[in-house]
Amino acid sequence: MLPTDRVVLVDLENVVGFRPKRRTLRTRMTALLDAAGPRHHAVAAYASLEDTDDVTASTLAALGVAPLRVTPGPDAAELALLAHARRMQADGCACFTVCSGDHAFAVLGDADASSLEVLVWQGQPVATGLAAAADHVRRLPRLAEGDVPVRPEATGNSGHLTRHRAPSRSKRQTQVPLNGLVTGFATGIGIALGARLGSLLWPGATVGERRGPR
């Protein structure tokens, strides 16, 4: 059987989460699809009442995954995926990768001609009946908190040197007159002190005048 005969069935709430953020959905779905490998197509089922602003559907479509939105209810997503799988079986497809640990998918492994693979995260519970019915269970390493690692430069103590910017033109222009003002002020004080000292030594003399001996 060709690998492209494989259909990937994703129980979204079971392996991604309930109403996941776009980044989380994109990252986790990409990891699952990469692990599943070549396939005929992938479909993801999830419960939602949103009709006008379904971000999940748009994100799945961008990843090449057919979104299968169902009305919230007991096992609604699982039943929708199983109905899709039965239609594919009628078309001659009998190779399935199930991204879920739910026991409902065990029926896909009951048929003699079917091949069933279970793809879940490390540490995720898998129903005993599903594990027994599957040809094998594959576990992927769990993604880090937030799914995307924090970039080193975004941390406070990353070890990277911080490049200090040169002062802006407006600041440099402000500093130059200020330095001149300080120097002029100091010079003025010196002249005033000198004049005061001269008036004490030579009363009646003008600034810069020095009396000689009479």
N, C-alpha and C. Protein backbone atom coordinates (compact mmCIF):
# COMPACT_ATOMS: atom_id res chain seq x y z
N MET A 1 0.85 -1.20 0.00
CA MET A 1 0.00 0.00 0.00
C MET A 1 0.89 1.25 0.00
N LEU A 2 0.58 2.21 -0.85
CA LEU A 2 1.36 3.42 -0.95
C LEU A 2 1.16 4.31 0.27
N PRO A 3 2.22 5.04 0.70
CA PRO A 3 2.07 5.94 1.83
C PRO A 3 1.02 7.01 1.59
N THR A 4 0.83 7.40 0.32
CA THR A 4 -0.14 8.46 0.03
C THR A 4 -1.57 8.00 0.21
N ASP A 5 -1.76 6.72 0.52
CA ASP A 5 -3.12 6.23 0.81
C ASP A 5 -3.50 6.50 2.27
N ARG A 6 -2.55 7.05 3.02
CA ARG A 6 -2.79 7.29 4.44
C ARG A 6 -3.66 8.52 4.65
N VAL A 7 -4.60 8.40 5.59
CA VAL A 7 -5.44 9.52 6.01
C VAL A 7 -5.12 9.83 7.47
N VAL A 8 -4.85 11.09 7.75
CA VAL A 8 -4.55 11.52 9.12
C VAL A 8 -5.81 12.12 9.72
N LEU A 9 -6.22 11.56 10.84
CA LEU A 9 -7.41 12.01 11.56
C LEU A 9 -6.97 12.67 12.86
N VAL A 10 -7.31 13.94 13.04
CA VAL A 10 -6.86 14.69 14.21
C VAL A 10 -8.05 15.07 15.08
N ASP A 11 -8.04 14.54 16.29
CA ASP A 11 -9.02 14.94 17.30
C ASP A 11 -8.43 16.18 17.97
N LEU A 12 -8.81 17.34 17.47
CA LEU A 12 -8.10 18.58 17.81
C LEU A 12 -8.05 18.85 19.31
N GLU A 13 -9.17 18.71 19.99
CA GLU A 13 -9.19 19.02 21.42
C GLU A 13 -8.38 18.03 22.23
N ASN A 14 -8.19 16.84 21.71
CA ASN A 14 -7.47 15.80 22.42
C ASN A 14 -5.96 15.99 22.34
N VAL A 15 -5.46 16.47 21.22
CA VAL A 15 -4.00 16.58 21.05
C VAL A 15 -3.49 18.02 20.94
N VAL A 16 -4.40 18.98 20.74
CA VAL A 16 -3.98 20.38 20.63
C VAL A 16 -4.55 21.21 21.76
N GLY A 17 -5.84 21.01 22.04
CA GLY A 17 -6.47 21.75 23.12
C GLY A 17 -7.77 22.40 22.67
N PHE A 18 -8.51 22.88 23.65
CA PHE A 18 -9.79 23.51 23.39
C PHE A 18 -9.59 24.97 23.02
N ARG A 19 -10.06 25.36 21.86
CA ARG A 19 -9.93 26.72 21.35
C ARG A 19 -8.49 27.24 21.52
N PRO A 20 -7.55 26.59 20.89
CA PRO A 20 -6.14 26.98 21.06
C PRO A 20 -5.84 28.30 20.38
N LYS A 21 -4.80 28.95 20.86
CA LYS A 21 -4.32 30.16 20.20
C LYS A 21 -3.74 29.77 18.84
N ARG A 22 -3.70 30.74 17.95
CA ARG A 22 -3.26 30.46 16.58
C ARG A 22 -1.84 29.91 16.57
N ARG A 23 -0.94 30.50 17.35
CA ARG A 23 0.44 30.03 17.37
C ARG A 23 0.53 28.61 17.89
N THR A 24 -0.21 28.32 18.96
CA THR A 24 -0.20 26.97 19.53
C THR A 24 -0.74 25.96 18.52
N LEU A 25 -1.83 26.30 17.87
CA LEU A 25 -2.42 25.41 16.88
C LEU A 25 -1.46 25.15 15.74
N ARG A 26 -0.85 26.21 15.24
CA ARG A 26 0.05 26.09 14.10
C ARG A 26 1.27 25.24 14.46
N THR A 27 1.83 25.46 15.65
CA THR A 27 3.05 24.75 16.05
C THR A 27 2.78 23.27 16.30
N ARG A 28 1.74 22.97 17.03
CA ARG A 28 1.45 21.58 17.37
C ARG A 28 0.98 20.79 16.15
N MET A 29 0.17 21.42 15.32
CA MET A 29 -0.29 20.73 14.12
C MET A 29 0.88 20.45 13.18
N THR A 30 1.80 21.38 13.06
CA THR A 30 2.96 21.17 12.20
C THR A 30 3.79 20.00 12.70
N ALA A 31 3.97 19.89 14.02
CA ALA A 31 4.73 18.78 14.58
C ALA A 31 4.04 17.44 14.31
N LEU A 32 2.73 17.41 14.45
CA LEU A 32 1.98 16.18 14.21
C LEU A 32 2.03 15.77 12.74
N LEU A 33 1.86 16.74 11.85
CA LEU A 33 1.87 16.44 10.42
C LEU A 33 3.24 15.99 9.96
N ASP A 34 4.28 16.62 10.47
CA ASP A 34 5.64 16.20 10.11
C ASP A 34 5.91 14.77 10.55
N ALA A 35 5.41 14.42 11.74
CA ALA A 35 5.61 13.06 12.25
C ALA A 35 4.78 12.04 11.48
N ALA A 36 3.61 12.45 11.04
CA ALA A 36 2.74 11.52 10.30
C ALA A 36 3.34 11.17 8.94
N GLY A 37 4.06 12.09 8.34
CA GLY A 37 4.71 11.80 7.08
C GLY A 37 3.76 11.89 5.88
N PRO A 38 4.14 11.26 4.75
CA PRO A 38 3.33 11.33 3.52
C PRO A 38 1.91 10.84 3.77
N ARG A 39 0.97 11.50 3.15
CA ARG A 39 -0.43 11.18 3.38
C ARG A 39 -1.27 11.60 2.17
N HIS A 40 -2.44 11.02 2.11
CA HIS A 40 -3.39 11.44 1.08
C HIS A 40 -4.00 12.78 1.46
N HIS A 41 -4.43 12.89 2.71
CA HIS A 41 -4.92 14.15 3.25
C HIS A 41 -5.05 14.04 4.75
N ALA A 42 -5.28 15.18 5.38
CA ALA A 42 -5.49 15.23 6.83
C ALA A 42 -6.75 16.02 7.11
N VAL A 43 -7.46 15.60 8.13
CA VAL A 43 -8.67 16.29 8.54
C VAL A 43 -8.66 16.41 10.06
N ALA A 44 -9.09 17.56 10.55
CA ALA A 44 -9.12 17.82 12.00
C ALA A 44 -10.54 18.21 12.39
N ALA A 45 -11.05 17.55 13.41
CA ALA A 45 -12.41 17.82 13.88
C ALA A 45 -12.36 18.52 15.22
N TYR A 46 -13.28 19.46 15.40
CA TYR A 46 -13.36 20.19 16.66
C TYR A 46 -14.77 20.75 16.81
N ALA A 47 -15.19 20.95 18.05
CA ALA A 47 -16.51 21.48 18.34
C ALA A 47 -16.46 22.99 18.45
N SER A 48 -17.38 23.67 17.77
CA SER A 48 -17.42 25.12 17.80
C SER A 48 -18.76 25.62 17.31
N LEU A 49 -19.18 26.77 17.85
CA LEU A 49 -20.40 27.42 17.42
C LEU A 49 -20.11 28.69 16.64
N GLU A 50 -18.82 29.01 16.45
CA GLU A 50 -18.45 30.23 15.75
C GLU A 50 -18.61 30.03 14.25
N ASP A 51 -19.40 30.92 13.65
CA ASP A 51 -19.64 30.81 12.22
C ASP A 51 -18.95 31.91 11.42
N THR A 52 -18.83 33.10 12.00
CA THR A 52 -18.33 34.24 11.25
C THR A 52 -16.84 34.48 11.44
N ASP A 53 -16.29 34.12 12.58
CA ASP A 53 -14.89 34.40 12.85
C ASP A 53 -14.21 33.15 13.41
N ASP A 54 -14.09 32.14 12.56
CA ASP A 54 -13.50 30.88 12.98
C ASP A 54 -12.02 30.88 12.61
N VAL A 55 -11.20 31.36 13.55
CA VAL A 55 -9.76 31.43 13.32
C VAL A 55 -9.17 30.04 13.17
N THR A 56 -9.72 29.07 13.90
CA THR A 56 -9.20 27.71 13.84
C THR A 56 -9.32 27.14 12.43
N ALA A 57 -10.46 27.34 11.80
CA ALA A 57 -10.67 26.83 10.44
C ALA A 57 -9.68 27.45 9.46
N SER A 58 -9.47 28.74 9.58
CA SER A 58 -8.55 29.43 8.67
C SER A 58 -7.11 28.94 8.86
N THR A 59 -6.70 28.75 10.11
CA THR A 59 -5.34 28.29 10.40
C THR A 59 -5.13 26.88 9.89
N LEU A 60 -6.10 26.01 10.10
CA LEU A 60 -6.00 24.63 9.61
C LEU A 60 -5.91 24.59 8.09
N ALA A 61 -6.73 25.38 7.44
CA ALA A 61 -6.73 25.42 5.97
C ALA A 61 -5.37 25.87 5.44
N ALA A 62 -4.76 26.84 6.13
CA ALA A 62 -3.45 27.33 5.71
C ALA A 62 -2.38 26.25 5.85
N LEU A 63 -2.59 25.30 6.75
CA LEU A 63 -1.65 24.20 6.96
C LEU A 63 -1.95 23.01 6.05
N GLY A 64 -3.00 23.13 5.24
CA GLY A 64 -3.37 22.03 4.35
C GLY A 64 -4.19 20.95 5.04
N VAL A 65 -4.84 21.31 6.13
CA VAL A 65 -5.67 20.37 6.88
C VAL A 65 -7.13 20.77 6.71
N ALA A 66 -7.97 19.80 6.37
CA ALA A 66 -9.39 20.09 6.19
C ALA A 66 -10.05 20.27 7.55
N PRO A 67 -10.63 21.44 7.81
CA PRO A 67 -11.31 21.65 9.10
C PRO A 67 -12.69 21.02 9.08
N LEU A 68 -12.99 20.30 10.14
CA LEU A 68 -14.29 19.64 10.26
C LEU A 68 -14.92 20.13 11.57
N ARG A 69 -15.71 21.17 11.45
CA ARG A 69 -16.34 21.77 12.62
C ARG A 69 -17.66 21.09 12.90
N VAL A 70 -17.87 20.76 14.18
CA VAL A 70 -19.09 20.06 14.58
C VAL A 70 -19.76 20.80 15.73
N THR A 71 -21.03 20.55 15.91
CA THR A 71 -21.76 21.12 17.03
C THR A 71 -21.31 20.47 18.33
N PRO A 72 -21.06 21.23 19.36
CA PRO A 72 -20.62 20.64 20.63
C PRO A 72 -21.59 19.58 21.13
N GLY A 73 -21.03 18.49 21.59
CA GLY A 73 -21.84 17.37 22.10
C GLY A 73 -20.93 16.23 22.49
N PRO A 74 -21.46 15.22 23.17
CA PRO A 74 -20.65 14.07 23.60
C PRO A 74 -20.01 13.36 22.41
N ASP A 75 -18.68 13.27 22.41
CA ASP A 75 -17.93 12.57 21.35
C ASP A 75 -18.24 13.10 19.95
N ALA A 76 -18.60 14.37 19.85
CA ALA A 76 -19.00 14.91 18.55
C ALA A 76 -17.84 14.88 17.55
N ALA A 77 -16.67 15.30 17.97
CA ALA A 77 -15.52 15.32 17.07
C ALA A 77 -15.10 13.91 16.67
N GLU A 78 -15.09 13.00 17.63
CA GLU A 78 -14.69 11.62 17.35
C GLU A 78 -15.64 10.97 16.36
N LEU A 79 -16.93 11.17 16.53
CA LEU A 79 -17.92 10.57 15.63
C LEU A 79 -17.79 11.15 14.22
N ALA A 80 -17.51 12.43 14.12
CA ALA A 80 -17.35 13.04 12.80
C ALA A 80 -16.12 12.48 12.08
N LEU A 81 -15.04 12.27 12.82
CA LEU A 81 -13.84 11.70 12.21
C LEU A 81 -14.05 10.26 11.79
N LEU A 82 -14.77 9.50 12.59
CA LEU A 82 -15.05 8.10 12.25
C LEU A 82 -15.95 8.01 11.02
N ALA A 83 -16.90 8.93 10.90
CA ALA A 83 -17.77 8.95 9.72
C ALA A 83 -16.93 9.24 8.46
N HIS A 84 -15.99 10.15 8.59
CA HIS A 84 -15.10 10.46 7.47
C HIS A 84 -14.24 9.24 7.13
N ALA A 85 -13.74 8.55 8.16
CA ALA A 85 -12.91 7.37 7.92
C ALA A 85 -13.70 6.28 7.20
N ARG A 86 -14.94 6.09 7.56
CA ARG A 86 -15.77 5.07 6.89
C ARG A 86 -15.98 5.41 5.42
N ARG A 87 -16.14 6.68 5.12
CA ARG A 87 -16.28 7.09 3.72
C ARG A 87 -15.00 6.81 2.95
N MET A 88 -13.86 7.04 3.59
CA MET A 88 -12.58 6.77 2.94
C MET A 88 -12.37 5.26 2.75
N GLN A 89 -12.82 4.47 3.70
CA GLN A 89 -12.72 3.02 3.57
C GLN A 89 -13.56 2.54 2.38
N ALA A 90 -14.70 3.15 2.18
CA ALA A 90 -15.55 2.78 1.04
C ALA A 90 -14.87 3.12 -0.28
N ASP A 91 -13.97 4.09 -0.26
CA ASP A 91 -13.24 4.48 -1.47
C ASP A 91 -11.93 3.70 -1.61
N GLY A 92 -11.70 2.76 -0.72
CA GLY A 92 -10.53 1.89 -0.82
C GLY A 92 -9.37 2.28 0.07
N CYS A 93 -9.55 3.27 0.91
CA CYS A 93 -8.47 3.69 1.82
C CYS A 93 -8.62 2.95 3.15
N ALA A 94 -7.51 2.34 3.60
CA ALA A 94 -7.59 1.58 4.85
C ALA A 94 -6.36 1.80 5.72
N CYS A 95 -5.67 2.92 5.51
CA CYS A 95 -4.48 3.23 6.29
C CYS A 95 -4.70 4.54 7.01
N PHE A 96 -4.72 4.48 8.34
CA PHE A 96 -5.09 5.66 9.12
C PHE A 96 -4.04 5.95 10.20
N THR A 97 -3.79 7.22 10.37
CA THR A 97 -3.02 7.71 11.50
C THR A 97 -3.96 8.56 12.33
N VAL A 98 -4.19 8.15 13.56
CA VAL A 98 -5.12 8.85 14.45
C VAL A 98 -4.33 9.63 15.48
N CYS A 99 -4.55 10.93 15.50
CA CYS A 99 -3.93 11.78 16.51
C CYS A 99 -4.93 11.98 17.64
N SER A 100 -4.97 11.03 18.53
CA SER A 100 -5.91 11.04 19.66
C SER A 100 -5.64 9.83 20.53
N GLY A 101 -6.02 9.95 21.80
CA GLY A 101 -5.91 8.81 22.69
C GLY A 101 -7.28 8.27 23.06
N ASP A 102 -8.32 8.70 22.37
CA ASP A 102 -9.70 8.32 22.70
C ASP A 102 -10.00 6.90 22.24
N HIS A 103 -10.72 6.16 23.07
CA HIS A 103 -11.03 4.76 22.79
C HIS A 103 -11.94 4.57 21.57
N ALA A 104 -12.66 5.63 21.17
CA ALA A 104 -13.62 5.50 20.06
C ALA A 104 -12.95 5.08 18.76
N PHE A 105 -11.69 5.40 18.58
CA PHE A 105 -11.01 5.09 17.32
C PHE A 105 -10.51 3.66 17.23
N ALA A 106 -10.72 2.87 18.27
CA ALA A 106 -10.29 1.47 18.25
C ALA A 106 -10.99 0.68 17.15
N VAL A 107 -12.17 1.12 16.75
CA VAL A 107 -12.93 0.39 15.72
C VAL A 107 -12.20 0.39 14.38
N LEU A 108 -11.31 1.38 14.16
CA LEU A 108 -10.60 1.44 12.89
C LEU A 108 -9.58 0.32 12.77
N GLY A 109 -9.18 -0.25 13.88
CA GLY A 109 -8.21 -1.34 13.84
C GLY A 109 -8.85 -2.70 13.81
N ASP A 110 -10.17 -2.76 13.89
CA ASP A 110 -10.86 -4.04 13.91
C ASP A 110 -10.89 -4.70 12.54
N ALA A 111 -11.00 -3.88 11.49
CA ALA A 111 -11.06 -4.45 10.14
C ALA A 111 -9.72 -5.08 9.78
N ASP A 112 -9.76 -6.26 9.17
CA ASP A 112 -8.54 -6.99 8.84
C ASP A 112 -7.66 -6.23 7.85
N ALA A 113 -8.28 -5.48 6.95
CA ALA A 113 -7.52 -4.81 5.90
C ALA A 113 -7.02 -3.43 6.34
N SER A 114 -7.39 -3.02 7.53
CA SER A 114 -7.04 -1.68 7.97
C SER A 114 -5.70 -1.65 8.68
N SER A 115 -5.01 -0.53 8.55
CA SER A 115 -3.78 -0.26 9.27
C SER A 115 -4.02 0.96 10.15
N LEU A 116 -3.76 0.81 11.43
CA LEU A 116 -4.04 1.89 12.37
C LEU A 116 -2.79 2.27 13.15
N GLU A 117 -2.45 3.53 13.06
CA GLU A 117 -1.34 4.08 13.83
C GLU A 117 -1.89 5.17 14.74
N VAL A 118 -1.41 5.20 15.98
CA VAL A 118 -1.81 6.22 16.94
C VAL A 118 -0.62 7.14 17.17
N LEU A 119 -0.87 8.43 17.07
CA LEU A 119 0.19 9.42 17.22
C LEU A 119 -0.23 10.41 18.31
N VAL A 120 0.50 10.37 19.44
CA VAL A 120 0.16 11.23 20.57
C VAL A 120 1.45 11.78 21.17
N TRP A 121 1.30 12.60 22.22
CA TRP A 121 2.45 13.19 22.92
C TRP A 121 2.94 12.27 24.03
N GLN A 122 4.18 12.44 24.40
CA GLN A 122 4.73 11.68 25.52
C GLN A 122 3.96 12.00 26.79
N GLY A 123 3.61 10.95 27.52
CA GLY A 123 2.87 11.13 28.77
C GLY A 123 1.37 11.28 28.58
N GLN A 124 0.89 11.34 27.35
CA GLN A 124 -0.55 11.49 27.13
C GLN A 124 -1.25 10.14 27.29
N PRO A 125 -2.34 10.08 28.04
CA PRO A 125 -3.06 8.82 28.22
C PRO A 125 -3.65 8.31 26.90
N VAL A 126 -3.55 7.02 26.69
CA VAL A 126 -4.14 6.36 25.52
C VAL A 126 -5.03 5.24 26.04
N ALA A 127 -6.26 5.22 25.58
CA ALA A 127 -7.21 4.21 26.03
C ALA A 127 -6.65 2.80 25.76
N THR A 128 -6.88 1.90 26.70
CA THR A 128 -6.35 0.54 26.58
C THR A 128 -6.85 -0.14 25.31
N GLY A 129 -8.15 0.03 25.00
CA GLY A 129 -8.70 -0.59 23.80
C GLY A 129 -8.08 -0.05 22.53
N LEU A 130 -7.78 1.25 22.50
CA LEU A 130 -7.16 1.85 21.32
C LEU A 130 -5.73 1.35 21.15
N ALA A 131 -4.99 1.28 22.25
CA ALA A 131 -3.61 0.79 22.18
C ALA A 131 -3.56 -0.65 21.71
N ALA A 132 -4.55 -1.45 22.12
CA ALA A 132 -4.59 -2.86 21.72
C ALA A 132 -4.96 -3.01 20.25
N ALA A 133 -5.81 -2.15 19.76
CA ALA A 133 -6.27 -2.25 18.37
C ALA A 133 -5.25 -1.67 17.38
N ALA A 134 -4.40 -0.77 17.83
CA ALA A 134 -3.45 -0.12 16.93
C ALA A 134 -2.29 -1.04 16.58
N ASP A 135 -1.77 -0.86 15.37
CA ASP A 135 -0.56 -1.59 14.96
C ASP A 135 0.63 -1.11 15.77
N HIS A 136 0.68 0.16 16.04
CA HIS A 136 1.70 0.70 16.94
C HIS A 136 1.28 2.10 17.38
N VAL A 137 1.84 2.48 18.52
CA VAL A 137 1.57 3.80 19.11
C VAL A 137 2.88 4.58 19.10
N ARG A 138 2.84 5.74 18.50
CA ARG A 138 4.02 6.60 18.45
C ARG A 138 3.80 7.80 19.37
N ARG A 139 4.82 8.12 20.12
CA ARG A 139 4.73 9.25 21.06
C ARG A 139 5.77 10.30 20.68
N LEU A 140 5.30 11.52 20.53
CA LEU A 140 6.19 12.64 20.20
C LEU A 140 6.61 13.37 21.46
N PRO A 141 7.82 13.92 21.48
CA PRO A 141 8.24 14.73 22.63
C PRO A 141 7.30 15.92 22.80
N ARG A 142 6.95 16.17 24.03
CA ARG A 142 6.09 17.31 24.30
C ARG A 142 6.82 18.61 23.98
N LEU A 143 6.09 19.55 23.45
CA LEU A 143 6.68 20.84 23.13
C LEU A 143 6.88 21.65 24.40
N ALA A 144 7.81 22.59 24.31
CA ALA A 144 8.10 23.43 25.46
C ALA A 144 6.91 24.31 25.81
N GLU A 145 6.91 24.83 27.01
CA GLU A 145 5.85 25.73 27.45
C GLU A 145 5.72 26.89 26.49
N GLY A 146 4.53 27.12 25.98
CA GLY A 146 4.32 28.19 25.00
C GLY A 146 4.65 27.77 23.59
N ASP A 147 5.09 26.49 23.42
CA ASP A 147 5.34 25.88 22.12
C ASP A 147 6.57 26.43 21.39
N VAL A 148 6.79 27.72 21.47
CA VAL A 148 7.92 28.32 20.76
C VAL A 148 8.97 28.75 21.78
N PRO A 149 10.23 28.26 21.66
CA PRO A 149 11.27 28.67 22.62
C PRO A 149 11.48 30.17 22.62
N VAL A 150 11.82 30.72 23.78
CA VAL A 150 12.07 32.15 23.89
C VAL A 150 13.40 32.46 23.23
N ARG A 151 13.42 33.47 22.39
CA ARG A 151 14.66 33.87 21.73
C ARG A 151 15.63 34.43 22.78
N PRO A 152 16.93 34.07 22.68
CA PRO A 152 17.90 34.51 23.70
C PRO A 152 17.92 36.01 23.90
N GLU A 153 17.79 36.77 22.80
CA GLU A 153 17.88 38.21 22.95
C GLU A 153 16.67 38.81 23.65
N ALA A 154 15.63 38.01 23.84
CA ALA A 154 14.44 38.52 24.50
C ALA A 154 14.49 38.32 26.01
N THR A 155 15.51 37.61 26.52
CA THR A 155 15.60 37.35 27.95
C THR A 155 16.42 38.42 28.61
N GLY A 156 16.25 38.55 29.92
CA GLY A 156 16.96 39.59 30.64
C GLY A 156 18.44 39.31 30.79
N ASN A 157 18.84 38.04 31.06
CA ASN A 157 20.24 37.68 31.25
C ASN A 157 20.63 36.70 30.16
N SER A 158 20.64 37.15 28.95
CA SER A 158 20.91 36.26 27.83
C SER A 158 22.40 36.07 27.57
N GLY A 159 23.23 36.91 28.13
CA GLY A 159 24.66 36.81 27.87
C GLY A 159 25.09 37.64 26.69
N HIS A 160 24.16 38.22 25.97
CA HIS A 160 24.51 39.07 24.83
C HIS A 160 24.83 40.47 25.32
N LEU A 161 25.83 41.07 24.66
CA LEU A 161 26.17 42.44 25.00
C LEU A 161 25.14 43.37 24.39
N THR A 162 24.81 44.38 25.13
CA THR A 162 23.86 45.36 24.64
C THR A 162 24.62 46.49 23.96
N ARG A 163 24.25 46.77 22.73
CA ARG A 163 24.92 47.84 21.99
C ARG A 163 24.29 49.16 22.38
N HIS A 164 25.15 50.07 22.91
CA HIS A 164 24.66 51.37 23.34
C HIS A 164 24.62 52.31 22.15
N ARG A 165 23.54 52.99 21.99
CA ARG A 165 23.39 53.93 20.90
C ARG A 165 24.10 55.24 21.21
N ALA A 166 24.65 55.86 20.16
CA ALA A 166 25.26 57.18 20.33
C ALA A 166 24.17 58.19 20.60
N PRO A 167 24.48 59.23 21.34
CA PRO A 167 23.45 60.22 21.63
C PRO A 167 22.94 60.85 20.35
N SER A 168 21.69 61.17 20.34
CA SER A 168 21.07 61.76 19.16
C SER A 168 21.63 63.15 18.91
N ARG A 169 21.35 63.66 17.70
CA ARG A 169 21.88 64.97 17.33
C ARG A 169 21.38 66.06 18.26
N SER A 170 20.11 65.97 18.66
CA SER A 170 19.55 67.00 19.54
C SER A 170 20.25 67.00 20.89
N LYS A 171 20.63 65.80 21.37
CA LYS A 171 21.30 65.73 22.66
C LYS A 171 22.71 66.30 22.55
N ARG A 172 23.41 65.99 21.41
CA ARG A 172 24.76 66.51 21.25
C ARG A 172 24.76 68.04 21.16
N GLN A 173 23.74 68.55 20.45
CA GLN A 173 23.65 69.99 20.34
C GLN A 173 23.38 70.63 21.70
N THR A 174 22.69 69.96 22.56
CA THR A 174 22.39 70.49 23.89
C THR A 174 23.62 70.44 24.78
N GLN A 175 24.46 69.38 24.59
CA GLN A 175 25.61 69.22 25.46
C GLN A 175 26.68 70.27 25.18
N VAL A 176 26.89 70.64 23.91
CA VAL A 176 27.96 71.59 23.57
C VAL A 176 27.74 72.95 24.19
N PRO A 177 26.58 73.59 24.01
CA PRO A 177 26.37 74.89 24.68
C PRO A 177 26.42 74.79 26.19
N LEU A 178 25.98 73.67 26.74
CA LEU A 178 26.00 73.51 28.18
C LEU A 178 27.43 73.49 28.70
N ASN A 179 28.33 72.78 27.98
CA ASN A 179 29.73 72.74 28.41
C ASN A 179 30.35 74.12 28.32
N GLY A 180 30.02 74.87 27.24
CA GLY A 180 30.54 76.23 27.10
C GLY A 180 30.05 77.15 28.18
N LEU A 181 28.78 76.93 28.56
CA LEU A 181 28.19 77.76 29.62
C LEU A 181 28.90 77.54 30.94
N VAL A 182 29.21 76.27 31.23
CA VAL A 182 29.89 75.96 32.49
C VAL A 182 31.28 76.58 32.49
N THR A 183 32.00 76.48 31.36
CA THR A 183 33.36 77.05 31.29
C THR A 183 33.33 78.56 31.44
N GLY A 184 32.37 79.20 30.75
CA GLY A 184 32.26 80.66 30.84
C GLY A 184 31.91 81.12 32.23
N PHE A 185 31.07 80.36 32.86
CA PHE A 185 30.67 80.71 34.22
C PHE A 185 31.86 80.66 35.17
N ALA A 186 32.69 79.60 35.02
CA ALA A 186 33.87 79.47 35.87
C ALA A 186 34.87 80.58 35.59
N THR A 187 35.02 80.94 34.29
CA THR A 187 35.95 82.04 33.95
C THR A 187 35.49 83.36 34.55
N GLY A 188 34.15 83.58 34.49
CA GLY A 188 33.60 84.82 35.05
C GLY A 188 33.85 84.92 36.54
N ILE A 189 33.75 83.79 37.21
CA ILE A 189 34.00 83.80 38.66
C ILE A 189 35.46 84.15 38.93
N GLY A 190 36.36 83.60 38.10
CA GLY A 190 37.78 83.90 38.30
C GLY A 190 38.09 85.36 38.10
N ILE A 191 37.49 85.95 37.07
CA ILE A 191 37.73 87.39 36.80
C ILE A 191 37.20 88.23 37.95
N ALA A 192 36.01 87.90 38.45
CA ALA A 192 35.42 88.67 39.53
C ALA A 192 36.27 88.59 40.80
N LEU A 193 36.79 87.39 41.10
CA LEU A 193 37.63 87.24 42.28
C LEU A 193 38.93 88.03 42.13
N GLY A 194 39.46 88.00 40.88
CA GLY A 194 40.69 88.76 40.66
C GLY A 194 40.48 90.25 40.83
N ALA A 195 39.34 90.73 40.32
CA ALA A 195 39.04 92.16 40.45
C ALA A 195 38.87 92.55 41.91
N ARG A 196 38.21 91.68 42.67
CA ARG A 196 37.99 91.96 44.09
C ARG A 196 39.31 92.02 44.83
N LEU A 197 40.21 91.09 44.52
CA LEU A 197 41.51 91.07 45.18
C LEU A 197 42.33 92.32 44.84
N GLY A 198 42.24 92.76 43.56
CA GLY A 198 42.98 93.95 43.16
C GLY A 198 42.47 95.20 43.84
N SER A 199 41.16 95.29 44.06
CA SER A 199 40.61 96.48 44.72
C SER A 199 41.01 96.55 46.17
N LEU A 200 41.25 95.37 46.76
CA LEU A 200 41.69 95.36 48.15
C LEU A 200 43.15 95.77 48.26
N LEU A 201 43.96 95.33 47.27
CA LEU A 201 45.39 95.66 47.33
C LEU A 201 45.66 97.09 46.88
N TRP A 202 44.95 97.53 45.84
CA TRP A 202 45.17 98.87 45.28
C TRP A 202 43.84 99.59 45.21
N PRO A 203 43.42 100.18 46.28
CA PRO A 203 42.12 100.87 46.28
C PRO A 203 42.10 101.95 45.22
N GLY A 204 41.03 102.07 44.51
CA GLY A 204 40.84 103.09 43.51
C GLY A 204 41.31 102.69 42.13
N ALA A 205 42.02 101.53 42.00
CA ALA A 205 42.49 101.10 40.69
C ALA A 205 41.35 100.46 39.93
N THR A 206 41.41 100.59 38.60
CA THR A 206 40.42 99.94 37.75
C THR A 206 40.86 98.54 37.48
N VAL A 207 39.94 97.73 36.89
CA VAL A 207 40.24 96.33 36.58
C VAL A 207 41.33 96.30 35.56
N GLY A 208 42.36 95.54 35.77
CA GLY A 208 43.46 95.39 34.83
C GLY A 208 44.55 96.43 35.05
N GLU A 209 44.35 97.46 35.93
CA GLU A 209 45.35 98.50 36.18
C GLU A 209 46.18 98.10 37.38
N ARG A 210 47.49 98.29 37.30
CA ARG A 210 48.38 97.97 38.42
C ARG A 210 49.23 99.19 38.73
N ARG A 211 49.20 99.62 39.97
CA ARG A 211 49.95 100.83 40.35
C ARG A 211 51.41 100.49 40.60
N GLY A 212 52.26 101.34 40.09
CA GLY A 212 53.67 101.20 40.36
C GLY A 212 54.07 101.99 41.57
N PRO A 213 55.31 101.94 41.97
CA PRO A 213 55.76 102.69 43.14
C PRO A 213 55.81 104.19 42.86
N ARG A 214 55.48 104.94 43.80
CA ARG A 214 55.49 106.40 43.65
C ARG A 214 56.87 106.95 43.87
